[in-house]
């Protein structure tokens, strides 16, 4: 597993938001970030997890700071995981020329091929 680097953390609705950075070998060695919210119930054992995949040009921060989902997650005992779904820092020629197919674009794959 690639090494996780803590970026920041803050308490909210009795639980914790923790943001991490990781150099992902699955993403070609680029750095990526994600935020995890763990509700108070997670202190007593496993809790269900909801993964939120942001849309075009969004980062993990959009959902975490704008949706207000932590209040409901705390009340329902749900963990939230919000990854940055867009490739950043790939250094591909022309990547900054188009907002919808460049740095802010996000494409999901449910399979990989070595």
PDB file of N, CA and C in Angstrom:
ATOM      1  N   UNK A   1       0.841  -1.176   0.000  1.00  0.00           N
ATOM      2  CA  UNK A   1       0.000   0.000   0.000  1.00  0.00           C
ATOM      3  C   UNK A   1       0.887   1.241   0.000  1.00  0.00           C
ATOM      4  N   UNK A   2       0.441   2.262  -0.716  1.00  0.00           N
ATOM      5  CA  UNK A   2       1.169   3.519  -0.746  1.00  0.00           C
ATOM      6  C   UNK A   2       1.053   4.221   0.604  1.00  0.00           C
ATOM      7  N   UNK A   3       2.067   5.007   0.954  1.00  0.00           N
ATOM      8  CA  UNK A   3       2.125   5.670   2.262  1.00  0.00           C
ATOM      9  C   UNK A   3       1.172   6.863   2.326  1.00  0.00           C
ATOM     10  N   UNK A   4       0.339   6.880   3.365  1.00  0.00           N
ATOM     11  CA  UNK A   4      -0.579   7.995   3.596  1.00  0.00           C
ATOM     12  C   UNK A   4       0.131   9.087   4.372  1.00  0.00           C
ATOM     13  N   UNK A   5      -0.072  10.323   3.935  1.00  0.00           N
ATOM     14  CA  UNK A   5       0.496  11.477   4.630  1.00  0.00           C
ATOM     15  C   UNK A   5      -0.652  12.341   5.149  1.00  0.00           C
ATOM     16  N   UNK A   6      -0.796  12.483   6.466  1.00  0.00           N
ATOM     17  CA  UNK A   6      -1.854  13.352   6.995  1.00  0.00           C
ATOM     18  C   UNK A   6      -1.634  14.795   6.542  1.00  0.00           C
ATOM     19  N   UNK A   7      -2.715  15.450   6.116  1.00  0.00           N
ATOM     20  CA  UNK A   7      -2.650  16.842   5.674  1.00  0.00           C
ATOM     21  C   UNK A   7      -3.283  17.759   6.713  1.00  0.00           C
ATOM     22  N   UNK A   8      -4.477  17.397   7.171  1.00  0.00           N
ATOM     23  CA  UNK A   8      -5.171  18.214   8.175  1.00  0.00           C
ATOM     24  C   UNK A   8      -6.258  17.383   8.836  1.00  0.00           C
ATOM     25  N   UNK A   9      -6.743  17.868   9.976  1.00  0.00           N
ATOM     26  CA  UNK A   9      -7.871  17.215  10.647  1.00  0.00           C
ATOM     27  C   UNK A   9      -8.616  18.257  11.463  1.00  0.00           C
ATOM     28  N   UNK A  10      -9.931  18.056  11.583  1.00  0.00           N
ATOM     29  CA  UNK A  10     -10.750  18.949  12.394  1.00  0.00           C
ATOM     30  C   UNK A  10     -11.993  18.213  12.856  1.00  0.00           C
ATOM     31  N   UNK A  11     -12.423  18.560  14.057  1.00  0.00           N
ATOM     32  CA  UNK A  11     -13.576  17.923  14.690  1.00  0.00           C
ATOM     33  C   UNK A  11     -14.851  18.619  14.220  1.00  0.00           C
ATOM     34  N   UNK A  12     -15.892  17.818  13.975  1.00  0.00           N
ATOM     35  CA  UNK A  12     -17.159  18.358  13.504  1.00  0.00           C
ATOM     36  C   UNK A  12     -18.283  17.399  13.874  1.00  0.00           C
ATOM     37  N   UNK A  13     -19.331  17.911  14.489  1.00  0.00           N
ATOM     38  CA  UNK A  13     -20.494  17.115  14.890  1.00  0.00           C
ATOM     39  C   UNK A  13     -20.096  15.886  15.703  1.00  0.00           C
ATOM     40  N   UNK A  14     -19.081  16.033  16.533  1.00  0.00           N
ATOM     41  CA  UNK A  14     -18.640  14.953  17.403  1.00  0.00           C
ATOM     42  C   UNK A  14     -17.712  13.953  16.746  1.00  0.00           C
ATOM     43  N   UNK A  15     -17.541  14.035  15.431  1.00  0.00           N
ATOM     44  CA  UNK A  15     -16.651  13.132  14.704  1.00  0.00           C
ATOM     45  C   UNK A  15     -15.441  13.887  14.180  1.00  0.00           C
ATOM     46  N   UNK A  16     -14.676  13.214  13.332  1.00  0.00           N
ATOM     47  CA  UNK A  16     -13.447  13.810  12.815  1.00  0.00           C
ATOM     48  C   UNK A  16     -13.404  13.786  11.297  1.00  0.00           C
ATOM     49  N   UNK A  17     -13.012  14.914  10.705  1.00  0.00           N
ATOM     50  CA  UNK A  17     -12.626  14.993   9.299  1.00  0.00           C
ATOM     51  C   UNK A  17     -11.113  14.868   9.259  1.00  0.00           C
ATOM     52  N   UNK A  18     -10.616  13.973   8.424  1.00  0.00           N
ATOM     53  CA  UNK A  18      -9.165  13.824   8.275  1.00  0.00           C
ATOM     54  C   UNK A  18      -8.844  13.795   6.790  1.00  0.00           C
ATOM     55  N   UNK A  19      -7.954  14.694   6.391  1.00  0.00           N
ATOM     56  CA  UNK A  19      -7.558  14.782   4.986  1.00  0.00           C
ATOM     57  C   UNK A  19      -6.165  14.182   4.842  1.00  0.00           C
ATOM     58  N   UNK A  20      -5.997  13.355   3.801  1.00  0.00           N
ATOM     59  CA  UNK A  20      -4.738  12.663   3.561  1.00  0.00           C
ATOM     60  C   UNK A  20      -4.260  12.910   2.136  1.00  0.00           C
ATOM     61  N   UNK A  21      -2.952  12.793   1.963  1.00  0.00           N
ATOM     62  CA  UNK A  21      -2.334  12.816   0.640  1.00  0.00           C
ATOM     63  C   UNK A  21      -1.608  11.492   0.473  1.00  0.00           C
ATOM     64  N   UNK A  22      -1.628  10.979  -0.745  1.00  0.00           N
ATOM     65  CA  UNK A  22      -0.920   9.735  -1.032  1.00  0.00           C
ATOM     66  C   UNK A  22      -0.363   9.809  -2.448  1.00  0.00           C
ATOM     67  N   UNK A  23       0.840   9.307  -2.627  1.00  0.00           N
ATOM     68  CA  UNK A  23       1.399   9.156  -3.972  1.00  0.00           C
ATOM     69  C   UNK A  23       0.896   7.806  -4.459  1.00  0.00           C
ATOM     70  N   UNK A  24       0.025   7.849  -5.434  1.00  0.00           N
ATOM     71  CA  UNK A  24      -0.682   6.648  -5.860  1.00  0.00           C
ATOM     72  C   UNK A  24       0.004   5.948  -7.030  1.00  0.00           C
ATOM     73  N   UNK A  25       0.469   4.740  -6.794  1.00  0.00           N
ATOM     74  CA  UNK A  25       1.056   3.960  -7.882  1.00  0.00           C
ATOM     75  C   UNK A  25      -0.014   3.581  -8.907  1.00  0.00           C
ATOM     76  N   UNK A  26      -1.257   3.438  -8.465  1.00  0.00           N
ATOM     77  CA  UNK A  26      -2.361   3.119  -9.378  1.00  0.00           C
ATOM     78  C   UNK A  26      -2.685   4.276 -10.317  1.00  0.00           C
ATOM     79  N   UNK A  27      -2.319   5.494  -9.915  1.00  0.00           N
ATOM     80  CA  UNK A  27      -2.579   6.682 -10.738  1.00  0.00           C
ATOM     81  C   UNK A  27      -1.291   7.211 -11.366  1.00  0.00           C
ATOM     82  N   UNK A  28      -0.379   6.313 -11.643  1.00  0.00           N
ATOM     83  CA  UNK A  28       0.846   6.696 -12.329  1.00  0.00           C
ATOM     84  C   UNK A  28       1.857   7.430 -11.473  1.00  0.00           C
ATOM     85  N   UNK A  29       1.777   7.265 -10.170  1.00  0.00           N
ATOM     86  CA  UNK A  29       2.735   7.898  -9.274  1.00  0.00           C
ATOM     87  C   UNK A  29       2.427   9.340  -8.937  1.00  0.00           C
ATOM     88  N   UNK A  30       1.220   9.794  -9.270  1.00  0.00           N
ATOM     89  CA  UNK A  30       0.847  11.170  -8.942  1.00  0.00           C
ATOM     90  C   UNK A  30       0.344  11.255  -7.506  1.00  0.00           C
ATOM     91  N   UNK A  31       0.427  12.460  -6.957  1.00  0.00           N
ATOM     92  CA  UNK A  31      -0.145  12.710  -5.636  1.00  0.00           C
ATOM     93  C   UNK A  31      -1.644  12.906  -5.772  1.00  0.00           C
ATOM     94  N   UNK A  32      -2.392  12.382  -4.827  1.00  0.00           N
ATOM     95  CA  UNK A  32      -3.830  12.608  -4.784  1.00  0.00           C
ATOM     96  C   UNK A  32      -4.231  12.783  -3.326  1.00  0.00           C
ATOM     97  N   UNK A  33      -5.389  13.390  -3.111  1.00  0.00           N
ATOM     98  CA  UNK A  33      -5.869  13.628  -1.753  1.00  0.00           C
ATOM     99  C   UNK A  33      -7.273  13.072  -1.582  1.00  0.00           C
ATOM    100  N   UNK A  34      -7.626  12.805  -0.337  1.00  0.00           N
ATOM    101  CA  UNK A  34      -8.992  12.397  -0.014  1.00  0.00           C
ATOM    102  C   UNK A  34      -9.268  12.773   1.430  1.00  0.00           C
ATOM    103  N   UNK A  35     -10.545  12.928   1.746  1.00  0.00           N
ATOM    104  CA  UNK A  35     -10.961  13.265   3.103  1.00  0.00           C
ATOM    105  C   UNK A  35     -11.896  12.192   3.622  1.00  0.00           C
ATOM    106  N   UNK A  36     -11.713  11.823   4.884  1.00  0.00           N
ATOM    107  CA  UNK A  36     -12.550  10.824   5.549  1.00  0.00           C
ATOM    108  C   UNK A  36     -13.198  11.469   6.766  1.00  0.00           C
ATOM    109  N   UNK A  37     -14.514  11.329   6.874  1.00  0.00           N
ATOM    110  CA  UNK A  37     -15.210  11.750   8.092  1.00  0.00           C
ATOM    111  C   UNK A  37     -15.578  10.491   8.862  1.00  0.00           C
ATOM    112  N   UNK A  38     -15.151  10.410  10.118  1.00  0.00           N
ATOM    113  CA  UNK A  38     -15.541   9.288  10.975  1.00  0.00           C
ATOM    114  C   UNK A  38     -16.456   9.825  12.069  1.00  0.00           C
ATOM    115  N   UNK A  39     -17.647   9.236  12.196  1.00  0.00           N
ATOM    116  CA  UNK A  39     -18.613   9.708  13.188  1.00  0.00           C
ATOM    117  C   UNK A  39     -18.225   9.235  14.586  1.00  0.00           C
ATOM    118  N   UNK A  40     -18.851   9.786  15.615  1.00  0.00           N
ATOM    119  CA  UNK A  40     -18.554   9.344  16.986  1.00  0.00           C
ATOM    120  C   UNK A  40     -18.740   7.838  17.178  1.00  0.00           C
ATOM    121  N   UNK A  41     -19.698   7.237  16.473  1.00  0.00           N
ATOM    122  CA  UNK A  41     -19.959   5.798  16.616  1.00  0.00           C
ATOM    123  C   UNK A  41     -18.757   4.945  16.220  1.00  0.00           C
ATOM    124  N   UNK A  42     -17.844   5.486  15.406  1.00  0.00           N
ATOM    125  CA  UNK A  42     -16.671   4.725  14.968  1.00  0.00           C
ATOM    126  C   UNK A  42     -15.711   4.437  16.115  1.00  0.00           C
ATOM    127  N   UNK A  43     -15.844   5.158  17.220  1.00  0.00           N
ATOM    128  CA  UNK A  43     -14.998   4.892  18.385  1.00  0.00           C
ATOM    129  C   UNK A  43     -15.350   3.561  19.043  1.00  0.00           C
ATOM    130  N   UNK A  44     -16.562   3.057  18.773  1.00  0.00           N
ATOM    131  CA  UNK A  44     -17.028   1.817  19.398  1.00  0.00           C
ATOM    132  C   UNK A  44     -16.991   0.614  18.474  1.00  0.00           C
ATOM    133  N   UNK A  45     -16.559   0.794  17.230  1.00  0.00           N
ATOM    134  CA  UNK A  45     -16.507  -0.322  16.302  1.00  0.00           C
ATOM    135  C   UNK A  45     -16.736   0.128  14.874  1.00  0.00           C
ATOM    136  N   UNK A  46     -16.793  -0.842  13.957  1.00  0.00           N
ATOM    137  CA  UNK A  46     -16.967  -0.519  12.539  1.00  0.00           C
ATOM    138  C   UNK A  46     -18.303   0.176  12.264  1.00  0.00           C
ATOM    139  N   UNK A  47     -18.298   1.040  11.264  1.00  0.00           N
ATOM    140  CA  UNK A  47     -19.514   1.733  10.831  1.00  0.00           C
ATOM    141  C   UNK A  47     -19.614   1.619   9.307  1.00  0.00           C
ATOM    142  N   UNK A  48     -20.825   1.735   8.756  1.00  0.00           N
ATOM    143  CA  UNK A  48     -20.976   1.728   7.293  1.00  0.00           C
ATOM    144  C   UNK A  48     -20.279   2.942   6.675  1.00  0.00           C
ATOM    145  N   UNK A  49     -19.901   2.813   5.410  1.00  0.00           N
ATOM    146  CA  UNK A  49     -19.173   3.878   4.714  1.00  0.00           C
ATOM    147  C   UNK A  49     -19.932   4.304   3.464  1.00  0.00           C
ATOM    148  N   UNK A  50     -20.010   5.620   3.253  1.00  0.00           N
ATOM    149  CA  UNK A  50     -20.561   6.187   2.024  1.00  0.00           C
ATOM    150  C   UNK A  50     -19.405   6.849   1.277  1.00  0.00           C
ATOM    151  N   UNK A  51     -19.209   6.456   0.015  1.00  0.00           N
ATOM    152  CA  UNK A  51     -18.186   7.067  -0.831  1.00  0.00           C
ATOM    153  C   UNK A  51     -18.858   8.099  -1.725  1.00  0.00           C
ATOM    154  N   UNK A  52     -18.356   9.329  -1.713  1.00  0.00           N
ATOM    155  CA  UNK A  52     -18.903  10.380  -2.558  1.00  0.00           C
ATOM    156  C   UNK A  52     -17.875  10.735  -3.622  1.00  0.00           C
ATOM    157  N   UNK A  53     -18.246  10.509  -4.887  1.00  0.00           N
ATOM    158  CA  UNK A  53     -17.361  10.810  -6.007  1.00  0.00           C
ATOM    159  C   UNK A  53     -17.806  12.126  -6.630  1.00  0.00           C
ATOM    160  N   UNK A  54     -17.031  13.172  -6.414  1.00  0.00           N
ATOM    161  CA  UNK A  54     -17.388  14.505  -6.904  1.00  0.00           C
ATOM    162  C   UNK A  54     -17.404  14.556  -8.422  1.00  0.00           C
ATOM    163  N   UNK A  55     -18.093  15.561  -8.930  1.00  0.00           N
ATOM    164  CA  UNK A  55     -18.221  15.737 -10.373  1.00  0.00           C
ATOM    165  C   UNK A  55     -17.081  16.527 -10.977  1.00  0.00           C
ATOM    166  N   UNK A  56     -17.293  16.897 -12.206  1.00  0.00           N
ATOM    167  CA  UNK A  56     -16.311  17.582 -13.025  1.00  0.00           C
ATOM    168  C   UNK A  56     -15.752  18.824 -12.336  1.00  0.00           C
ATOM    169  N   UNK A  57     -14.473  18.942 -12.306  1.00  0.00           N
ATOM    170  CA  UNK A  57     -13.657  20.034 -11.762  1.00  0.00           C
ATOM    171  C   UNK A  57     -13.646  20.108 -10.237  1.00  0.00           C
ATOM    172  N   UNK A  58     -14.357  19.247  -9.547  1.00  0.00           N
ATOM    173  CA  UNK A  58     -14.413  19.297  -8.083  1.00  0.00           C
ATOM    174  C   UNK A  58     -13.235  18.558  -7.457  1.00  0.00           C
ATOM    175  N   UNK A  59     -12.953  18.917  -6.222  1.00  0.00           N
ATOM    176  CA  UNK A  59     -11.959  18.205  -5.424  1.00  0.00           C
ATOM    177  C   UNK A  59     -12.690  17.514  -4.271  1.00  0.00           C
ATOM    178  N   UNK A  60     -11.953  16.832  -3.436  1.00  0.00           N
ATOM    179  CA  UNK A  60     -12.543  16.222  -2.244  1.00  0.00           C
ATOM    180  C   UNK A  60     -13.123  17.284  -1.326  1.00  0.00           C
ATOM    181  N   UNK A  61     -12.561  18.466  -1.386  1.00  0.00           N
ATOM    182  CA  UNK A  61     -12.953  19.548  -0.493  1.00  0.00           C
ATOM    183  C   UNK A  61     -14.356  20.100  -0.779  1.00  0.00           C
ATOM    184  N   UNK A  62     -14.806  20.045  -2.032  1.00  0.00           N
ATOM    185  CA  UNK A  62     -16.126  20.582  -2.373  1.00  0.00           C
ATOM    186  C   UNK A  62     -17.234  19.941  -1.544  1.00  0.00           C
ATOM    187  N   UNK A  63     -17.300  18.643  -1.546  1.00  0.00           N
ATOM    188  CA  UNK A  63     -18.340  17.920  -0.805  1.00  0.00           C
ATOM    189  C   UNK A  63     -18.175  18.110   0.698  1.00  0.00           C
ATOM    190  N   UNK A  64     -16.956  17.977   1.172  1.00  0.00           N
ATOM    191  CA  UNK A  64     -16.695  18.039   2.609  1.00  0.00           C
ATOM    192  C   UNK A  64     -17.055  19.397   3.193  1.00  0.00           C
ATOM    193  N   UNK A  65     -16.782  20.477   2.463  1.00  0.00           N
ATOM    194  CA  UNK A  65     -17.035  21.806   3.021  1.00  0.00           C
ATOM    195  C   UNK A  65     -18.391  22.388   2.662  1.00  0.00           C
ATOM    196  N   UNK A  66     -19.034  21.920   1.579  1.00  0.00           N
ATOM    197  CA  UNK A  66     -20.268  22.554   1.119  1.00  0.00           C
ATOM    198  C   UNK A  66     -21.544  21.759   1.372  1.00  0.00           C
ATOM    199  N   UNK A  67     -21.465  20.444   1.450  1.00  0.00           N
ATOM    200  CA  UNK A  67     -22.679  19.624   1.526  1.00  0.00           C
ATOM    201  C   UNK A  67     -23.312  19.593   2.909  1.00  0.00           C
ATOM    202  N   UNK A  68     -22.502  19.713   3.948  1.00  0.00           N
ATOM    203  CA  UNK A  68     -23.036  19.613   5.307  1.00  0.00           C
ATOM    204  C   UNK A  68     -23.455  18.201   5.677  1.00  0.00           C
ATOM    205  N   UNK A  69     -22.901  17.231   4.981  1.00  0.00           N
ATOM    206  CA  UNK A  69     -23.289  15.834   5.186  1.00  0.00           C
ATOM    207  C   UNK A  69     -22.821  15.265   6.519  1.00  0.00           C
ATOM    208  N   UNK A  70     -21.835  15.883   7.150  1.00  0.00           N
ATOM    209  CA  UNK A  70     -21.321  15.359   8.408  1.00  0.00           C
ATOM    210  C   UNK A  70     -22.379  15.353   9.505  1.00  0.00           C
ATOM    211  N   UNK A  71     -23.305  16.288   9.488  1.00  0.00           N
ATOM    212  CA  UNK A  71     -24.365  16.314  10.511  1.00  0.00           C
ATOM    213  C   UNK A  71     -25.211  15.050  10.421  1.00  0.00           C
ATOM    214  N   UNK A  72     -25.641  14.700   9.211  1.00  0.00           N
ATOM    215  CA  UNK A  72     -26.437  13.483   9.023  1.00  0.00           C
ATOM    216  C   UNK A  72     -25.597  12.238   9.275  1.00  0.00           C
ATOM    217  N   UNK A  73     -24.346  12.247   8.818  1.00  0.00           N
ATOM    218  CA  UNK A  73     -23.468  11.090   9.021  1.00  0.00           C
ATOM    219  C   UNK A  73     -23.234  10.841  10.504  1.00  0.00           C
ATOM    220  N   UNK A  74     -23.079  11.902  11.264  1.00  0.00           N
ATOM    221  CA  UNK A  74     -22.903  11.769  12.710  1.00  0.00           C
ATOM    222  C   UNK A  74     -24.144  11.160  13.346  1.00  0.00           C
ATOM    223  N   UNK A  75     -25.294  11.683  12.965  1.00  0.00           N
ATOM    224  CA  UNK A  75     -26.565  11.213  13.529  1.00  0.00           C
ATOM    225  C   UNK A  75     -26.845   9.750  13.157  1.00  0.00           C
ATOM    226  N   UNK A  76     -26.489   9.356  11.923  1.00  0.00           N
ATOM    227  CA  UNK A  76     -26.777   8.006  11.435  1.00  0.00           C
ATOM    228  C   UNK A  76     -25.636   7.015  11.657  1.00  0.00           C
ATOM    229  N   UNK A  77     -24.498   7.483  12.133  1.00  0.00           N
ATOM    230  CA  UNK A  77     -23.355   6.594  12.361  1.00  0.00           C
ATOM    231  C   UNK A  77     -22.693   6.133  11.077  1.00  0.00           C
ATOM    232  N   UNK A  78     -22.539   7.041  10.113  1.00  0.00           N
ATOM    233  CA  UNK A  78     -21.931   6.707   8.824  1.00  0.00           C
ATOM    234  C   UNK A  78     -20.578   7.386   8.669  1.00  0.00           C
ATOM    235  N   UNK A  79     -19.623   6.679   8.120  1.00  0.00           N
ATOM    236  CA  UNK A  79     -18.361   7.295   7.722  1.00  0.00           C
ATOM    237  C   UNK A  79     -18.528   7.813   6.301  1.00  0.00           C
ATOM    238  N   UNK A  80     -17.829   8.892   5.975  1.00  0.00           N
ATOM    239  CA  UNK A  80     -17.849   9.465   4.632  1.00  0.00           C
ATOM    240  C   UNK A  80     -16.438   9.458   4.070  1.00  0.00           C
ATOM    241  N   UNK A  81     -16.303   9.071   2.812  1.00  0.00           N
ATOM    242  CA  UNK A  81     -15.015   9.133   2.128  1.00  0.00           C
ATOM    243  C   UNK A  81     -15.215   9.943   0.854  1.00  0.00           C
ATOM    244  N   UNK A  82     -14.421  10.996   0.695  1.00  0.00           N
ATOM    245  CA  UNK A  82     -14.515  11.873  -0.472  1.00  0.00           C
ATOM    246  C   UNK A  82     -13.136  12.006  -1.119  1.00  0.00           C
ATOM    247  N   UNK A  83     -12.877  11.241  -2.184  1.00  0.00           N
ATOM    248  CA  UNK A  83     -11.589  11.366  -2.871  1.00  0.00           C
ATOM    249  C   UNK A  83     -11.616  12.499  -3.898  1.00  0.00           C
ATOM    250  N   UNK A  84     -10.449  13.034  -4.203  1.00  0.00           N
ATOM    251  CA  UNK A  84     -10.327  13.936  -5.345  1.00  0.00           C
ATOM    252  C   UNK A  84     -10.358  13.040  -6.572  1.00  0.00           C
ATOM    253  N   UNK A  85     -11.338  13.230  -7.428  1.00  0.00           N
ATOM    254  CA  UNK A  85     -11.533  12.325  -8.561  1.00  0.00           C
ATOM    255  C   UNK A  85     -10.861  12.803  -9.839  1.00  0.00           C
ATOM    256  N   UNK A  86     -10.189  13.936  -9.792  1.00  0.00           N
ATOM    257  CA  UNK A  86      -9.576  14.483 -11.003  1.00  0.00           C
ATOM    258  C   UNK A  86      -8.069  14.277 -10.999  1.00  0.00           C
ATOM    259  N   UNK A  87      -7.505  13.971 -12.185  1.00  0.00           N
ATOM    260  CA  UNK A  87      -6.055  13.830 -12.265  1.00  0.00           C
ATOM    261  C   UNK A  87      -5.395  15.195 -12.147  1.00  0.00           C
ATOM    262  N   UNK A  88      -4.400  15.311 -11.314  1.00  0.00           N
ATOM    263  CA  UNK A  88      -3.696  16.584 -11.133  1.00  0.00           C
ATOM    264  C   UNK A  88      -2.190  16.316 -11.098  1.00  0.00           C
ATOM    265  N   UNK A  89      -1.450  17.151 -11.782  1.00  0.00           N
ATOM    266  CA  UNK A  89       0.004  17.027 -11.754  1.00  0.00           C
ATOM    267  C   UNK A  89       0.577  15.958 -12.653  1.00  0.00           C
ATOM    268  N   UNK A  90      -0.163  15.552 -13.680  1.00  0.00           N
ATOM    269  CA  UNK A  90       0.345  14.520 -14.574  1.00  0.00           C
ATOM    270  C   UNK A  90       1.390  15.059 -15.550  1.00  0.00           C
ATOM    271  N   UNK A  91       1.337  16.365 -15.812  1.00  0.00           N
ATOM    272  CA  UNK A  91       2.297  16.956 -16.735  1.00  0.00           C
ATOM    273  C   UNK A  91       2.030  16.612 -18.185  1.00  0.00           C
ATOM    274  N   UNK A  92       0.782  16.307 -18.524  1.00  0.00           N
ATOM    275  CA  UNK A  92       0.426  15.974 -19.899  1.00  0.00           C
ATOM    276  C   UNK A  92       0.350  17.267 -20.708  1.00  0.00           C
ATOM    277  N   UNK A  93       0.955  17.277 -21.876  1.00  0.00           N
ATOM    278  CA  UNK A  93       0.946  18.474 -22.714  1.00  0.00           C
ATOM    279  C   UNK A  93      -0.491  18.916 -22.999  1.00  0.00           C
ATOM    280  N   UNK A  94      -0.779  20.195 -22.735  1.00  0.00           N
ATOM    281  CA  UNK A  94      -2.097  20.758 -23.007  1.00  0.00           C
ATOM    282  C   UNK A  94      -3.149  20.492 -21.951  1.00  0.00           C
ATOM    283  N   UNK A  95      -2.780  19.888 -20.823  1.00  0.00           N
ATOM    284  CA  UNK A  95      -3.784  19.517 -19.826  1.00  0.00           C
ATOM    285  C   UNK A  95      -4.513  20.709 -19.221  1.00  0.00           C
ATOM    286  N   UNK A  96      -3.908  21.871 -19.214  1.00  0.00           N
ATOM    287  CA  UNK A  96      -4.545  23.048 -18.625  1.00  0.00           C
ATOM    288  C   UNK A  96      -5.341  23.865 -19.647  1.00  0.00           C
ATOM    289  N   UNK A  97      -5.374  23.422 -20.887  1.00  0.00           N
ATOM    290  CA  UNK A  97      -6.054  24.176 -21.941  1.00  0.00           C
ATOM    291  C   UNK A  97      -7.560  23.959 -21.957  1.00  0.00           C
ATOM    292  N   UNK A  98      -8.040  22.899 -21.369  1.00  0.00           N
ATOM    293  CA  UNK A  98      -9.471  22.590 -21.426  1.00  0.00           C
ATOM    294  C   UNK A  98      -9.959  22.171 -20.044  1.00  0.00           C
ATOM    295  N   UNK A  99     -10.951  22.880 -19.511  1.00  0.00           N
ATOM    296  CA  UNK A  99     -11.443  22.583 -18.167  1.00  0.00           C
ATOM    297  C   UNK A  99     -12.171  21.245 -18.100  1.00  0.00           C
ATOM    298  N   UNK A 100     -12.757  20.789 -19.218  1.00  0.00           N
ATOM    299  CA  UNK A 100     -13.551  19.561 -19.162  1.00  0.00           C
ATOM    300  C   UNK A 100     -12.774  18.295 -19.520  1.00  0.00           C
ATOM    301  N   UNK A 101     -11.593  18.439 -20.103  1.00  0.00           N
ATOM    302  CA  UNK A 101     -10.791  17.254 -20.396  1.00  0.00           C
ATOM    303  C   UNK A 101      -9.368  17.371 -19.872  1.00  0.00           C
ATOM    304  N   UNK A 102      -9.124  18.384 -19.085  1.00  0.00           N
ATOM    305  CA  UNK A 102      -7.774  18.599 -18.583  1.00  0.00           C
ATOM    306  C   UNK A 102      -7.639  18.297 -17.116  1.00  0.00           C
ATOM    307  N   UNK A 103      -6.984  19.205 -16.414  1.00  0.00           N
ATOM    308  CA  UNK A 103      -6.643  19.015 -15.006  1.00  0.00           C
ATOM    309  C   UNK A 103      -7.871  18.747 -14.139  1.00  0.00           C
ATOM    310  N   UNK A 104      -8.992  19.409 -14.399  1.00  0.00           N
ATOM    311  CA  UNK A 104     -10.177  19.251 -13.558  1.00  0.00           C
ATOM    312  C   UNK A 104     -11.123  18.157 -13.979  1.00  0.00           C
ATOM    313  N   UNK A 105     -10.799  17.432 -15.027  1.00  0.00           N
ATOM    314  CA  UNK A 105     -11.704  16.389 -15.507  1.00  0.00           C
ATOM    315  C   UNK A 105     -11.619  15.169 -14.608  1.00  0.00           C
ATOM    316  N   UNK A 106     -12.722  14.500 -14.425  1.00  0.00           N
ATOM    317  CA  UNK A 106     -12.739  13.284 -13.624  1.00  0.00           C
ATOM    318  C   UNK A 106     -13.395  12.160 -14.395  1.00  0.00           C
ATOM    319  N   UNK A 107     -12.734  11.045 -14.476  1.00  0.00           N
ATOM    320  CA  UNK A 107     -13.276   9.891 -15.172  1.00  0.00           C
ATOM    321  C   UNK A 107     -13.160   8.690 -14.245  1.00  0.00           C
ATOM    322  N   UNK A 108     -14.205   7.893 -14.176  1.00  0.00           N
ATOM    323  CA  UNK A 108     -14.228   6.764 -13.260  1.00  0.00           C
ATOM    324  C   UNK A 108     -14.014   5.464 -14.017  1.00  0.00           C
ATOM    325  N   UNK A 109     -13.222   4.601 -13.441  1.00  0.00           N
ATOM    326  CA  UNK A 109     -13.013   3.259 -13.975  1.00  0.00           C
ATOM    327  C   UNK A 109     -13.361   2.273 -12.885  1.00  0.00           C
ATOM    328  N   UNK A 110     -14.014   1.198 -13.268  1.00  0.00           N
ATOM    329  CA  UNK A 110     -14.309   0.178 -12.274  1.00  0.00           C
ATOM    330  C   UNK A 110     -13.437  -1.055 -12.479  1.00  0.00           C
ATOM    331  N   UNK A 111     -12.449  -0.933 -13.351  1.00  0.00           N
ATOM    332  CA  UNK A 111     -11.532  -2.046 -13.566  1.00  0.00           C
ATOM    333  C   UNK A 111     -10.198  -1.483 -14.040  1.00  0.00           C
ATOM    334  N   UNK A 112      -9.143  -2.214 -13.771  1.00  0.00           N
ATOM    335  CA  UNK A 112      -7.831  -1.827 -14.278  1.00  0.00           C
ATOM    336  C   UNK A 112      -7.193  -3.033 -14.935  1.00  0.00           C
ATOM    337  N   UNK A 113      -6.248  -2.766 -15.803  1.00  0.00           N
ATOM    338  CA  UNK A 113      -5.527  -3.840 -16.469  1.00  0.00           C
ATOM    339  C   UNK A 113      -4.040  -3.590 -16.275  1.00  0.00           C
ATOM    340  N   UNK A 114      -3.318  -4.558 -15.709  1.00  0.00           N
ATOM    341  CA  UNK A 114      -1.884  -4.342 -15.469  1.00  0.00           C
ATOM    342  C   UNK A 114      -1.097  -4.171 -16.759  1.00  0.00           C
TER     343      UNK A 114
END
